[in-house]
Structure formats: C-alpha cells, structure tokens
N, C-alpha and C. Protein backbone atom coordinates (compact mmCIF):
# COMPACT_ATOMS: atom_id res chain seq x y z
N MET A 1 133.24 148.77 20.65
CA MET A 1 134.43 149.30 21.31
C MET A 1 135.21 148.14 21.92
N ASN A 2 136.49 148.13 21.67
CA ASN A 2 137.37 147.11 22.22
C ASN A 2 138.65 147.75 22.71
N THR A 3 139.36 147.03 23.58
CA THR A 3 140.65 147.53 24.05
C THR A 3 141.70 147.35 22.95
N LYS A 4 142.79 148.07 23.08
CA LYS A 4 143.89 147.91 22.12
C LYS A 4 144.47 146.50 22.19
N PHE A 5 144.33 145.86 23.35
CA PHE A 5 144.84 144.50 23.53
C PHE A 5 144.00 143.50 22.73
N TYR A 6 142.68 143.73 22.73
CA TYR A 6 141.79 142.88 21.93
C TYR A 6 142.08 143.06 20.44
N ILE A 7 142.22 144.30 20.01
CA ILE A 7 142.47 144.58 18.60
C ILE A 7 143.77 143.90 18.15
N GLU A 8 144.80 143.97 18.98
CA GLU A 8 146.06 143.30 18.66
C GLU A 8 145.87 141.79 18.55
N ALA A 9 145.15 141.20 19.51
CA ALA A 9 144.91 139.75 19.49
C ALA A 9 144.09 139.36 18.26
N LYS A 10 143.04 140.11 17.98
CA LYS A 10 142.19 139.84 16.82
C LYS A 10 143.00 139.91 15.52
N ASN A 11 143.82 140.94 15.38
CA ASN A 11 144.66 141.07 14.19
C ASN A 11 145.63 139.90 14.06
N ASN A 12 146.20 139.46 15.16
CA ASN A 12 147.12 138.33 15.13
C ASN A 12 146.40 137.03 14.76
N LEU A 13 145.18 136.85 15.28
CA LEU A 13 144.39 135.67 14.92
C LEU A 13 144.03 135.68 13.43
N GLU A 14 143.68 136.86 12.93
CA GLU A 14 143.36 136.98 11.50
C GLU A 14 144.60 136.67 10.65
N TYR A 15 145.75 137.12 11.09
CA TYR A 15 146.99 136.85 10.37
C TYR A 15 147.23 135.34 10.30
N ILE A 16 147.04 134.66 11.41
CA ILE A 16 147.22 133.20 11.44
C ILE A 16 146.27 132.53 10.45
N SER A 17 145.02 132.99 10.42
CA SER A 17 144.04 132.36 9.51
C SER A 17 144.45 132.49 8.05
N GLN A 18 145.22 133.52 7.72
CA GLN A 18 145.69 133.72 6.34
C GLN A 18 146.92 132.87 6.02
N LYS A 19 147.56 132.34 7.03
CA LYS A 19 148.81 131.59 6.82
C LYS A 19 148.62 130.07 6.82
N ILE A 20 147.41 129.60 7.05
CA ILE A 20 147.16 128.15 7.07
C ILE A 20 147.54 127.58 5.70
N SER A 21 148.23 126.43 5.73
CA SER A 21 148.71 125.85 4.48
C SER A 21 148.61 124.33 4.53
N ASP A 22 149.20 123.69 3.54
CA ASP A 22 149.27 122.23 3.51
C ASP A 22 150.44 121.70 4.33
N ASP A 23 151.26 122.60 4.83
CA ASP A 23 152.46 122.23 5.58
C ASP A 23 152.07 121.89 7.03
N LYS A 24 152.11 120.61 7.38
CA LYS A 24 151.72 120.15 8.71
C LYS A 24 152.52 120.84 9.81
N TYR A 25 153.81 120.97 9.58
CA TYR A 25 154.69 121.58 10.58
C TYR A 25 154.31 123.04 10.82
N LEU A 26 154.11 123.78 9.75
CA LEU A 26 153.70 125.18 9.86
C LEU A 26 152.35 125.30 10.55
N ASN A 27 151.41 124.46 10.18
CA ASN A 27 150.08 124.50 10.80
C ASN A 27 150.14 124.22 12.30
N ASN A 28 151.01 123.29 12.70
CA ASN A 28 151.17 123.03 14.13
C ASN A 28 151.67 124.28 14.86
N LEU A 29 152.62 124.97 14.25
CA LEU A 29 153.15 126.19 14.87
C LEU A 29 152.09 127.29 14.92
N LEU A 30 151.30 127.40 13.87
CA LEU A 30 150.21 128.38 13.87
C LEU A 30 149.21 128.07 14.97
N TYR A 31 148.87 126.79 15.11
CA TYR A 31 147.93 126.34 16.14
C TYR A 31 148.46 126.70 17.53
N ALA A 32 149.72 126.40 17.77
CA ALA A 32 150.33 126.71 19.07
C ALA A 32 150.32 128.21 19.32
N ASN A 33 150.52 128.97 18.26
CA ASN A 33 150.56 130.43 18.41
C ASN A 33 149.20 131.01 18.80
N ILE A 34 148.12 130.33 18.49
CA ILE A 34 146.79 130.79 18.90
C ILE A 34 146.72 130.88 20.42
N VAL A 35 147.26 129.88 21.09
CA VAL A 35 147.29 129.89 22.56
C VAL A 35 148.21 131.01 23.06
N THR A 36 149.32 131.20 22.37
CA THR A 36 150.25 132.27 22.74
C THR A 36 149.58 133.64 22.63
N ILE A 37 148.72 133.82 21.66
CA ILE A 37 147.99 135.08 21.52
C ILE A 37 147.09 135.32 22.73
N LEU A 38 146.42 134.27 23.20
CA LEU A 38 145.61 134.39 24.42
C LEU A 38 146.49 134.76 25.61
N GLU A 39 147.61 134.06 25.77
CA GLU A 39 148.53 134.35 26.87
C GLU A 39 148.97 135.81 26.85
N THR A 40 149.33 136.28 25.68
CA THR A 40 149.81 137.66 25.53
C THR A 40 148.70 138.64 25.89
N TYR A 41 147.50 138.38 25.42
CA TYR A 41 146.36 139.24 25.75
C TYR A 41 146.17 139.30 27.28
N LEU A 42 146.10 138.14 27.91
CA LEU A 42 145.87 138.08 29.37
C LEU A 42 146.98 138.80 30.13
N TYR A 43 148.20 138.59 29.71
CA TYR A 43 149.37 139.22 30.34
C TYR A 43 149.32 140.73 30.20
N LYS A 44 149.15 141.22 28.99
CA LYS A 44 149.17 142.66 28.75
C LYS A 44 148.03 143.38 29.46
N VAL A 45 146.85 142.80 29.43
CA VAL A 45 145.70 143.41 30.12
C VAL A 45 145.96 143.48 31.62
N PHE A 46 146.43 142.38 32.18
CA PHE A 46 146.65 142.34 33.63
C PHE A 46 147.69 143.37 34.07
N ILE A 47 148.81 143.41 33.37
CA ILE A 47 149.88 144.36 33.69
C ILE A 47 149.37 145.80 33.54
N PHE A 48 148.68 146.08 32.45
CA PHE A 48 148.17 147.43 32.20
C PHE A 48 147.21 147.86 33.30
N LEU A 49 146.25 147.01 33.63
CA LEU A 49 145.27 147.39 34.65
C LEU A 49 145.91 147.56 36.02
N LEU A 50 146.81 146.68 36.37
CA LEU A 50 147.49 146.79 37.65
C LEU A 50 148.33 148.06 37.72
N ASP A 51 149.01 148.36 36.65
CA ASP A 51 149.86 149.55 36.60
C ASP A 51 149.06 150.85 36.65
N ASN A 52 147.83 150.81 36.13
CA ASN A 52 147.01 152.03 36.05
C ASN A 52 145.90 152.12 37.09
N ASN A 53 145.80 151.13 37.96
CA ASN A 53 144.78 151.12 39.01
C ASN A 53 145.40 150.67 40.32
N PRO A 54 146.03 151.58 41.05
CA PRO A 54 146.73 151.21 42.29
C PRO A 54 145.83 150.47 43.30
N LYS A 55 144.53 150.68 43.24
CA LYS A 55 143.62 149.99 44.16
C LYS A 55 143.62 148.48 43.94
N LEU A 56 144.01 148.05 42.74
CA LEU A 56 144.04 146.62 42.45
C LEU A 56 145.15 145.90 43.21
N PHE A 57 146.15 146.64 43.68
CA PHE A 57 147.22 146.02 44.46
C PHE A 57 146.68 145.38 45.73
N LYS A 58 145.67 145.99 46.32
CA LYS A 58 145.06 145.40 47.52
C LYS A 58 144.38 144.08 47.17
N ASN A 59 143.66 144.06 46.05
CA ASN A 59 143.04 142.81 45.61
C ASN A 59 144.10 141.74 45.37
N LEU A 60 145.20 142.15 44.74
CA LEU A 60 146.29 141.22 44.47
C LEU A 60 146.87 140.68 45.78
N ALA A 61 147.09 141.56 46.73
CA ALA A 61 147.66 141.15 48.02
C ALA A 61 146.75 140.18 48.76
N ASN A 62 145.45 140.29 48.54
CA ASN A 62 144.49 139.41 49.21
C ASN A 62 144.11 138.18 48.39
N SER A 63 144.68 138.06 47.20
CA SER A 63 144.33 136.93 46.32
C SER A 63 144.94 135.63 46.84
N SER A 64 144.31 134.54 46.50
CA SER A 64 144.77 133.21 46.93
C SER A 64 146.23 132.96 46.56
N LYS A 65 146.61 133.41 45.39
CA LYS A 65 147.96 133.16 44.86
C LYS A 65 149.04 133.91 45.63
N PHE A 66 148.72 135.11 46.14
CA PHE A 66 149.75 135.96 46.70
C PHE A 66 149.57 136.32 48.18
N LYS A 67 148.47 135.96 48.80
CA LYS A 67 148.23 136.42 50.18
C LYS A 67 149.23 135.89 51.19
N ASN A 68 149.86 134.77 50.90
CA ASN A 68 150.86 134.21 51.83
C ASN A 68 152.30 134.47 51.38
N GLN A 69 152.44 135.33 50.40
CA GLN A 69 153.78 135.67 49.88
C GLN A 69 154.56 136.41 50.96
N LYS A 70 155.77 135.96 51.22
CA LYS A 70 156.65 136.60 52.21
C LYS A 70 157.58 137.58 51.51
N VAL A 71 157.72 138.76 52.10
CA VAL A 71 158.58 139.80 51.56
C VAL A 71 159.39 140.37 52.71
N SER A 72 160.68 140.58 52.47
CA SER A 72 161.53 141.15 53.52
C SER A 72 161.14 142.61 53.77
N LEU A 73 161.43 143.08 54.96
CA LEU A 73 161.15 144.48 55.31
C LEU A 73 161.93 145.42 54.40
N LYS A 74 163.17 145.06 54.12
CA LYS A 74 164.00 145.88 53.23
C LYS A 74 163.32 146.06 51.87
N LEU A 75 162.81 144.95 51.31
CA LEU A 75 162.13 145.02 50.01
C LEU A 75 160.83 145.81 50.12
N ALA A 76 160.09 145.58 51.19
CA ALA A 76 158.81 146.28 51.38
C ALA A 76 159.02 147.79 51.46
N LEU A 77 160.12 148.21 52.02
CA LEU A 77 160.37 149.64 52.17
C LEU A 77 161.08 150.24 50.96
N SER A 78 161.56 149.39 50.07
CA SER A 78 162.27 149.93 48.90
C SER A 78 161.31 150.02 47.71
N ASN A 79 161.39 149.06 46.83
CA ASN A 79 160.59 149.15 45.61
C ASN A 79 159.67 147.93 45.49
N ILE A 80 158.65 147.90 46.32
CA ILE A 80 157.75 146.75 46.35
C ILE A 80 156.98 146.62 45.03
N LYS A 81 156.63 147.73 44.41
CA LYS A 81 155.88 147.68 43.15
C LYS A 81 156.68 146.94 42.07
N SER A 82 157.95 147.21 41.99
CA SER A 82 158.81 146.53 41.03
C SER A 82 158.84 145.03 41.31
N HIS A 83 158.93 144.66 42.56
CA HIS A 83 158.92 143.24 42.95
C HIS A 83 157.60 142.58 42.56
N ILE A 84 156.50 143.27 42.78
CA ILE A 84 155.18 142.73 42.42
C ILE A 84 155.10 142.47 40.92
N PHE A 85 155.57 143.42 40.13
CA PHE A 85 155.51 143.24 38.68
C PHE A 85 156.42 142.11 38.21
N ILE A 86 157.52 141.89 38.89
CA ILE A 86 158.38 140.75 38.56
C ILE A 86 157.60 139.45 38.80
N MET A 87 156.89 139.35 39.92
CA MET A 87 156.10 138.16 40.23
C MET A 87 154.98 137.96 39.20
N ILE A 88 154.33 139.05 38.81
CA ILE A 88 153.23 138.98 37.85
C ILE A 88 153.75 138.52 36.48
N ARG A 89 154.90 138.99 36.10
CA ARG A 89 155.47 138.62 34.80
C ARG A 89 155.88 137.14 34.75
N ARG A 90 156.12 136.56 35.90
CA ARG A 90 156.54 135.15 35.97
C ARG A 90 155.37 134.17 35.92
N LEU A 91 154.15 134.67 35.99
CA LEU A 91 152.99 133.78 35.94
C LEU A 91 152.93 133.08 34.58
N THR A 92 152.36 131.89 34.57
CA THR A 92 152.16 131.14 33.33
C THR A 92 150.75 131.43 32.86
N TYR A 93 150.63 132.27 31.85
CA TYR A 93 149.32 132.78 31.44
C TYR A 93 148.50 131.78 30.63
N HIS A 94 149.04 130.63 30.27
CA HIS A 94 148.21 129.60 29.66
C HIS A 94 147.72 128.59 30.69
N ASN A 95 148.13 128.76 31.94
CA ASN A 95 147.59 127.93 33.03
C ASN A 95 146.29 128.59 33.48
N LEU A 96 145.21 128.27 32.79
CA LEU A 96 143.95 128.98 33.01
C LEU A 96 143.37 128.77 34.40
N ALA A 97 143.69 127.67 35.05
CA ALA A 97 143.19 127.46 36.42
C ALA A 97 143.72 128.56 37.34
N ASP A 98 145.01 128.86 37.23
CA ASP A 98 145.60 129.93 38.04
C ASP A 98 145.15 131.31 37.58
N ILE A 99 145.21 131.54 36.29
CA ILE A 99 144.92 132.87 35.76
C ILE A 99 143.45 133.21 35.94
N GLU A 100 142.58 132.23 35.76
CA GLU A 100 141.14 132.47 35.95
C GLU A 100 140.87 132.95 37.37
N LEU A 101 141.51 132.33 38.35
CA LEU A 101 141.32 132.72 39.75
C LEU A 101 141.91 134.11 40.02
N ILE A 102 143.07 134.39 39.48
CA ILE A 102 143.69 135.71 39.67
C ILE A 102 142.83 136.79 39.03
N TYR A 103 142.35 136.54 37.82
CA TYR A 103 141.49 137.53 37.15
C TYR A 103 140.22 137.77 37.97
N LYS A 104 139.65 136.70 38.50
CA LYS A 104 138.41 136.82 39.29
C LYS A 104 138.67 137.59 40.59
N GLU A 105 139.72 137.22 41.30
CA GLU A 105 139.98 137.82 42.61
C GLU A 105 140.54 139.24 42.51
N VAL A 106 141.37 139.49 41.52
CA VAL A 106 142.04 140.79 41.42
C VAL A 106 141.25 141.77 40.56
N LEU A 107 140.87 141.33 39.37
CA LEU A 107 140.20 142.23 38.43
C LEU A 107 138.68 142.16 38.48
N LYS A 108 138.15 141.11 39.14
CA LYS A 108 136.71 140.86 39.18
C LYS A 108 136.17 140.57 37.78
N VAL A 109 136.94 139.81 37.02
CA VAL A 109 136.61 139.43 35.65
C VAL A 109 136.60 137.91 35.57
N ASP A 110 135.56 137.36 34.93
CA ASP A 110 135.44 135.91 34.77
C ASP A 110 136.03 135.47 33.44
N ILE A 111 136.89 134.47 33.50
CA ILE A 111 137.39 133.83 32.29
C ILE A 111 136.60 132.53 32.15
N LYS A 112 135.71 132.52 31.18
CA LYS A 112 134.83 131.37 30.99
C LYS A 112 135.45 130.43 29.96
N TYR A 113 136.00 129.33 30.44
CA TYR A 113 136.61 128.36 29.53
C TYR A 113 136.04 126.98 29.83
N ASP A 114 136.23 126.08 28.89
CA ASP A 114 135.69 124.73 29.03
C ASP A 114 136.76 123.70 28.66
N GLU A 115 136.33 122.45 28.61
CA GLU A 115 137.25 121.36 28.31
C GLU A 115 137.86 121.48 26.92
N THR A 116 137.13 122.05 25.99
CA THR A 116 137.65 122.24 24.63
C THR A 116 138.89 123.13 24.67
N ILE A 117 138.81 124.21 25.40
CA ILE A 117 139.95 125.13 25.50
C ILE A 117 141.11 124.46 26.22
N LEU A 118 140.83 123.70 27.26
CA LEU A 118 141.91 122.99 27.96
C LEU A 118 142.57 121.96 27.04
N GLU A 119 141.78 121.29 26.21
CA GLU A 119 142.33 120.32 25.27
C GLU A 119 143.21 121.02 24.23
N ILE A 120 142.80 122.18 23.78
CA ILE A 120 143.61 122.96 22.83
C ILE A 120 144.95 123.31 23.46
N ILE A 121 144.92 123.72 24.72
CA ILE A 121 146.16 124.06 25.43
C ILE A 121 147.04 122.82 25.58
N ASN A 122 146.43 121.67 25.82
CA ASN A 122 147.21 120.42 25.92
C ASN A 122 147.84 120.05 24.57
N ILE A 123 147.11 120.24 23.49
CA ILE A 123 147.66 119.96 22.16
C ILE A 123 148.82 120.91 21.89
N ARG A 124 148.65 122.17 22.25
CA ARG A 124 149.73 123.14 22.10
C ARG A 124 150.97 122.66 22.85
N HIS A 125 150.76 122.13 24.05
CA HIS A 125 151.86 121.61 24.86
C HIS A 125 152.59 120.48 24.10
N ASP A 126 151.80 119.59 23.50
CA ASP A 126 152.40 118.51 22.71
C ASP A 126 153.21 119.06 21.55
N ILE A 127 152.71 120.08 20.90
CA ILE A 127 153.40 120.67 19.76
C ILE A 127 154.70 121.34 20.21
N ILE A 128 154.63 122.12 21.26
CA ILE A 128 155.79 122.91 21.70
C ILE A 128 156.84 122.06 22.42
N HIS A 129 156.40 121.17 23.29
CA HIS A 129 157.35 120.46 24.15
C HIS A 129 157.73 119.06 23.66
N ARG A 130 156.96 118.52 22.69
CA ARG A 130 157.28 117.19 22.17
C ARG A 130 157.27 117.17 20.65
N ASN A 131 157.43 118.36 20.06
CA ASN A 131 157.53 118.49 18.60
C ASN A 131 156.38 117.83 17.86
N GLY A 132 155.16 117.97 18.43
CA GLY A 132 153.99 117.47 17.72
C GLY A 132 153.62 116.04 18.01
N TYR A 133 154.13 115.51 19.13
CA TYR A 133 153.77 114.15 19.54
C TYR A 133 153.14 114.18 20.92
N THR A 134 152.17 113.31 21.14
CA THR A 134 151.57 113.19 22.47
C THR A 134 152.51 112.41 23.38
N LYS A 135 152.17 112.32 24.64
CA LYS A 135 152.97 111.51 25.58
C LYS A 135 153.00 110.05 25.16
N GLU A 136 151.98 109.64 24.43
CA GLU A 136 151.89 108.26 23.95
C GLU A 136 152.62 108.08 22.61
N ASN A 137 153.34 109.12 22.18
CA ASN A 137 154.11 109.11 20.94
C ASN A 137 153.23 109.04 19.69
N ILE A 138 152.03 109.61 19.79
CA ILE A 138 151.13 109.69 18.64
C ILE A 138 151.28 111.08 18.03
N THR A 139 151.40 111.12 16.72
CA THR A 139 151.57 112.39 16.02
C THR A 139 150.30 113.24 16.12
N VAL A 140 150.47 114.51 16.45
CA VAL A 140 149.35 115.45 16.45
C VAL A 140 149.06 115.81 15.00
N VAL A 141 147.83 115.55 14.57
CA VAL A 141 147.41 115.85 13.21
C VAL A 141 146.28 116.87 13.28
N LEU A 142 146.50 118.02 12.66
CA LEU A 142 145.51 119.10 12.69
C LEU A 142 145.06 119.41 11.26
N SER A 143 143.76 119.56 11.11
CA SER A 143 143.22 119.95 9.81
C SER A 143 143.11 121.47 9.75
N GLU A 144 142.87 121.97 8.57
CA GLU A 144 142.62 123.41 8.40
C GLU A 144 141.43 123.83 9.26
N ASN A 145 140.40 123.00 9.30
CA ASN A 145 139.21 123.31 10.11
C ASN A 145 139.53 123.34 11.60
N ASP A 146 140.44 122.49 12.06
CA ASP A 146 140.85 122.52 13.46
C ASP A 146 141.42 123.90 13.82
N ILE A 147 142.24 124.42 12.94
CA ILE A 147 142.86 125.72 13.19
C ILE A 147 141.81 126.83 13.12
N ILE A 148 140.96 126.79 12.11
CA ILE A 148 139.91 127.80 11.96
C ILE A 148 138.97 127.78 13.17
N ASP A 149 138.56 126.59 13.59
CA ASP A 149 137.67 126.47 14.76
C ASP A 149 138.35 126.99 16.03
N THR A 150 139.63 126.69 16.18
CA THR A 150 140.38 127.14 17.36
C THR A 150 140.50 128.67 17.37
N ILE A 151 140.72 129.25 16.22
CA ILE A 151 140.76 130.72 16.12
C ILE A 151 139.43 131.30 16.58
N LYS A 152 138.33 130.74 16.13
CA LYS A 152 136.99 131.23 16.53
C LYS A 152 136.79 131.10 18.04
N ILE A 153 137.15 129.97 18.58
CA ILE A 153 136.99 129.72 20.02
C ILE A 153 137.78 130.73 20.84
N PHE A 154 139.03 130.96 20.46
CA PHE A 154 139.88 131.87 21.22
C PHE A 154 139.49 133.32 21.00
N LYS A 155 139.04 133.65 19.80
CA LYS A 155 138.55 135.01 19.55
C LYS A 155 137.34 135.29 20.43
N ASN A 156 136.43 134.33 20.53
CA ASN A 156 135.25 134.50 21.39
C ASN A 156 135.63 134.62 22.86
N LEU A 157 136.59 133.81 23.30
CA LEU A 157 137.04 133.87 24.69
C LEU A 157 137.64 135.24 24.99
N ILE A 158 138.52 135.71 24.14
CA ILE A 158 139.16 137.01 24.34
C ILE A 158 138.12 138.13 24.28
N GLU A 159 137.19 138.02 23.36
CA GLU A 159 136.13 139.03 23.23
C GLU A 159 135.28 139.11 24.50
N ASN A 160 134.96 137.95 25.07
CA ASN A 160 134.17 137.91 26.31
C ASN A 160 134.92 138.58 27.46
N ILE A 161 136.19 138.30 27.58
CA ILE A 161 137.01 138.92 28.63
C ILE A 161 137.11 140.41 28.39
N ASP A 162 137.31 140.80 27.15
CA ASP A 162 137.48 142.21 26.80
C ASP A 162 136.22 143.02 27.12
N LYS A 163 135.06 142.45 26.86
CA LYS A 163 133.80 143.14 27.19
C LYS A 163 133.72 143.43 28.68
N GLN A 164 134.12 142.47 29.49
CA GLN A 164 134.10 142.67 30.95
C GLN A 164 135.09 143.76 31.36
N ILE A 165 136.27 143.75 30.74
CA ILE A 165 137.30 144.75 31.05
C ILE A 165 136.78 146.15 30.72
N ILE A 166 136.16 146.28 29.57
CA ILE A 166 135.63 147.59 29.16
C ILE A 166 134.56 148.06 30.14
N GLU A 167 133.65 147.16 30.53
CA GLU A 167 132.58 147.53 31.46
C GLU A 167 133.12 147.94 32.83
N LYS A 168 134.06 147.18 33.35
CA LYS A 168 134.56 147.41 34.71
C LYS A 168 135.58 148.54 34.81
N TYR A 169 136.31 148.76 33.73
CA TYR A 169 137.42 149.72 33.82
C TYR A 169 137.29 150.90 32.85
N ASN A 170 136.11 151.07 32.29
CA ASN A 170 135.78 152.25 31.47
C ASN A 170 136.82 152.54 30.39
N PHE A 171 137.16 151.55 29.62
CA PHE A 171 138.09 151.75 28.51
C PHE A 171 137.43 152.61 27.45
C-alpha cells in the first residue's frame, strides 16, 4: 500500500528511466528532474496532511522554522490558514536540512538522507543554475548508470518516507 503521492513519484521516475539517451543535455535535464520529483512529493504530502489534519497546525506553530513568525492581529483574525499555506508553499523542498526538520517536528516523520543525496542535489543545482557546469567551470558528465542509480536512491528515499506517512496517518 502506498499513497497516491508515492505512486505519482514512482511513475514519474519510471518515465525518466525510459527516456535516458545518448543526448548529454537531455540526460542532464532528466537527472535534475529526479530531484524535482522528490521536491514535488515532499510538497504535496506536506500540504495534503496539513490541510487534512488541523492538529498539525499546532506542531507547525511550534516548529523551529515558524515559532518566531510574526503575524499581525488583523491577519490572525482574518484568514490565518491561507497565510500559513502561502508560507508553506514558499519553502524550498530540495533544501533537505530545512525540510527534514519540518517533517520531523510537524509530521513526526524522519527523512533519512546522506551525503550521496546531498551531492545529487548539488549536481542538480549545477545543471539548473549553471547549465551543467560546476562553480569551477567543469562540465557535469553523467552516465546512464548515474541516472539509473539516482532513480533507485530517490525511489528508496520516497518509499521510506511514504511508509512512515502511511503508518502515522492511516492512509
């Protein structure tokens, strides 16, 4: 049993695996999209759970990221929920240091990542923000196996998070 968010992410990862080619430029974009799939999964799950579990708002209010957030009385008395969702949508979901803490404090879910995942995110940054070059102006070169291995790593990461979501929130 998996959430609809996991199924969507898994299908997107499988689609990417079918599109790997000899085209370096295309492969770089596919590689970057693997990280985007994780971001989308984390974003959609967080928004869905927050929207469907009002008790999580208290966890959010007490979280490290938001506990010192200042809100005007006018906003607090009007549509505070809308304001909260605007703040949540502005988070950078590939910044795993922030998102890992928010998931832990708000959802009570652990995002278990390592240096390999952080390096993948850094390579994605090079692809997206420097057109495939590192800060040292070295071309990012990815093999078919690099992409396949990255898909496996991210599928496992998403699967691990999804199992926790299902256990804690009775999906």
